[in-house]
Amino acid sequence: MKFDIEIDAKYLTCPLPILRAKKALFNMKSEQILKIITTDQNSIYDFQLFSKQTKNVLLIQKQLEKGVVEHYICRK
């Protein structure tokens, strides 16, 4: 999937991946896409909730090997 900004938040625990995503999204333009890579076990649920609360669109979450998850979020 095409994206505009990528953040590597592997091995960081909540709330750090969310805070990094929030900071990045704040500086992005509408309809740009953020890719954030995490290993936190709760990140799938955390980013679903974060997207609902911020009204940004969670496009897809991909579970990769060794507990790595890619989240793609479109800035509202």
C-alpha atoms as a PDB file:
ATOM      1  CA  MET A   1       0.000   0.000   0.000  1.00  0.00           C
ATOM      2  CA  LYS A   2       1.239   3.485  -0.830  1.00  0.00           C
ATOM      3  CA  PHE A   3       1.934   5.781   2.136  1.00  0.00           C
ATOM      4  CA  ASP A   4       3.341   9.250   2.771  1.00  0.00           C
ATOM      5  CA  ILE A   5       5.043   8.828   6.148  1.00  0.00           C
ATOM      6  CA  GLU A   6       6.352   5.751   7.931  1.00  0.00           C
ATOM      7  CA  ILE A   7       7.014   5.407  11.657  1.00  0.00           C
ATOM      8  CA  ASP A   8       8.874   2.462  13.158  1.00  0.00           C
ATOM      9  CA  ALA A   9       7.465   1.963  16.663  1.00  0.00           C
ATOM     10  CA  LYS A  10       8.632  -1.627  17.087  1.00  0.00           C
ATOM     11  CA  TYR A  11       9.461  -2.644  20.651  1.00  0.00           C
ATOM     12  CA  LEU A  12       7.674   0.417  22.065  1.00  0.00           C
ATOM     13  CA  THR A  13       4.747  -0.150  24.385  1.00  0.00           C
ATOM     14  CA  CYS A  14       1.548   1.804  24.775  1.00  0.00           C
ATOM     15  CA  PRO A  15       1.133   4.751  24.774  1.00  0.00           C
ATOM     16  CA  LEU A  16       4.304   5.525  22.762  1.00  0.00           C
ATOM     17  CA  PRO A  17       3.134   4.157  19.355  1.00  0.00           C
ATOM     18  CA  ILE A  18      -0.123   6.107  19.676  1.00  0.00           C
ATOM     19  CA  LEU A  19       1.691   9.288  20.709  1.00  0.00           C
ATOM     20  CA  ARG A  20       4.078   9.025  17.757  1.00  0.00           C
ATOM     21  CA  ALA A  21       1.173   8.467  15.390  1.00  0.00           C
ATOM     22  CA  LYS A  22      -0.719  11.416  16.859  1.00  0.00           C
ATOM     23  CA  LYS A  23       2.287  13.712  16.421  1.00  0.00           C
ATOM     24  CA  ALA A  24       2.840  12.580  12.831  1.00  0.00           C
ATOM     25  CA  LEU A  25      -0.835  12.925  11.877  1.00  0.00           C
ATOM     26  CA  PHE A  26      -0.933  16.439  13.317  1.00  0.00           C
ATOM     27  CA  ASN A  27       1.743  17.516  10.810  1.00  0.00           C
ATOM     28  CA  MET A  28       0.202  15.720   7.825  1.00  0.00           C
ATOM     29  CA  LYS A  29      -2.196  17.059   5.215  1.00  0.00           C
ATOM     30  CA  SER A  30      -5.710  15.746   4.757  1.00  0.00           C
ATOM     31  CA  GLU A  31      -5.871  12.390   2.931  1.00  0.00           C
ATOM     32  CA  GLN A  32      -2.194  11.603   3.434  1.00  0.00           C
ATOM     33  CA  ILE A  33      -1.455   8.099   4.694  1.00  0.00           C
ATOM     34  CA  LEU A  34       0.611   7.161   7.728  1.00  0.00           C
ATOM     35  CA  LYS A  35       2.184   3.723   8.046  1.00  0.00           C
ATOM     36  CA  ILE A  36       3.151   2.772  11.588  1.00  0.00           C
ATOM     37  CA  ILE A  37       4.908  -0.489  12.462  1.00  0.00           C
ATOM     38  CA  THR A  38       4.400  -1.935  15.948  1.00  0.00           C
ATOM     39  CA  THR A  39       5.091  -5.028  18.013  1.00  0.00           C
ATOM     40  CA  ASP A  40       2.931  -4.164  21.044  1.00  0.00           C
ATOM     41  CA  GLN A  41       0.367  -6.961  21.521  1.00  0.00           C
ATOM     42  CA  ASN A  42      -2.435  -4.457  22.127  1.00  0.00           C
ATOM     43  CA  SER A  43      -1.630  -2.200  19.183  1.00  0.00           C
ATOM     44  CA  ILE A  44      -4.337  -3.620  16.922  1.00  0.00           C
ATOM     45  CA  TYR A  45      -7.081  -2.683  19.369  1.00  0.00           C
ATOM     46  CA  ASP A  46      -5.313   0.554  20.400  1.00  0.00           C
ATOM     47  CA  PHE A  47      -5.173   1.859  16.828  1.00  0.00           C
ATOM     48  CA  GLN A  48      -8.785   0.874  16.149  1.00  0.00           C
ATOM     49  CA  LEU A  49      -9.861   2.906  19.169  1.00  0.00           C
ATOM     50  CA  PHE A  50      -7.472   5.770  18.336  1.00  0.00           C
ATOM     51  CA  SER A  51      -8.901   6.039  14.816  1.00  0.00           C
ATOM     52  CA  LYS A  52     -12.473   6.170  16.080  1.00  0.00           C
ATOM     53  CA  GLN A  53     -11.621   8.827  18.661  1.00  0.00           C
ATOM     54  CA  THR A  54      -9.690  11.034  16.223  1.00  0.00           C
ATOM     55  CA  LYS A  55     -11.998  10.413  13.229  1.00  0.00           C
ATOM     56  CA  ASN A  56      -8.995   9.406  11.103  1.00  0.00           C
ATOM     57  CA  VAL A  57      -9.586   6.397   8.846  1.00  0.00           C
ATOM     58  CA  LEU A  58      -7.868   3.132   9.738  1.00  0.00           C
ATOM     59  CA  LEU A  59      -7.418   1.669   6.270  1.00  0.00           C
ATOM     60  CA  ILE A  60      -5.831  -1.677   7.063  1.00  0.00           C
ATOM     61  CA  GLN A  61      -3.900  -3.549   9.724  1.00  0.00           C
ATOM     62  CA  LYS A  62      -1.511  -6.256   8.515  1.00  0.00           C
ATOM     63  CA  GLN A  63      -0.217  -8.925  10.890  1.00  0.00           C
ATOM     64  CA  LEU A  64       3.300  -9.866   9.783  1.00  0.00           C
ATOM     65  CA  GLU A  65       5.848 -12.318  11.162  1.00  0.00           C
ATOM     66  CA  LYS A  66       7.078 -12.344  14.770  1.00  0.00           C
ATOM     67  CA  GLY A  67       4.245 -10.195  16.116  1.00  0.00           C
ATOM     68  CA  VAL A  68       4.905  -7.231  13.834  1.00  0.00           C
ATOM     69  CA  VAL A  69       1.819  -5.278  12.764  1.00  0.00           C
ATOM     70  CA  GLU A  70       1.546  -2.581  10.092  1.00  0.00           C
ATOM     71  CA  HIS A  71      -1.206  -0.009  10.533  1.00  0.00           C
ATOM     72  CA  TYR A  72      -2.235   2.336   7.711  1.00  0.00           C
ATOM     73  CA  ILE A  73      -4.126   5.457   8.772  1.00  0.00           C
ATOM     74  CA  CYS A  74      -5.522   8.126   6.460  1.00  0.00           C
ATOM     75  CA  ARG A  75      -5.524  11.666   7.870  1.00  0.00           C
ATOM     76  CA  LYS A  76      -9.007  13.147   7.966  1.00  0.00           C
END
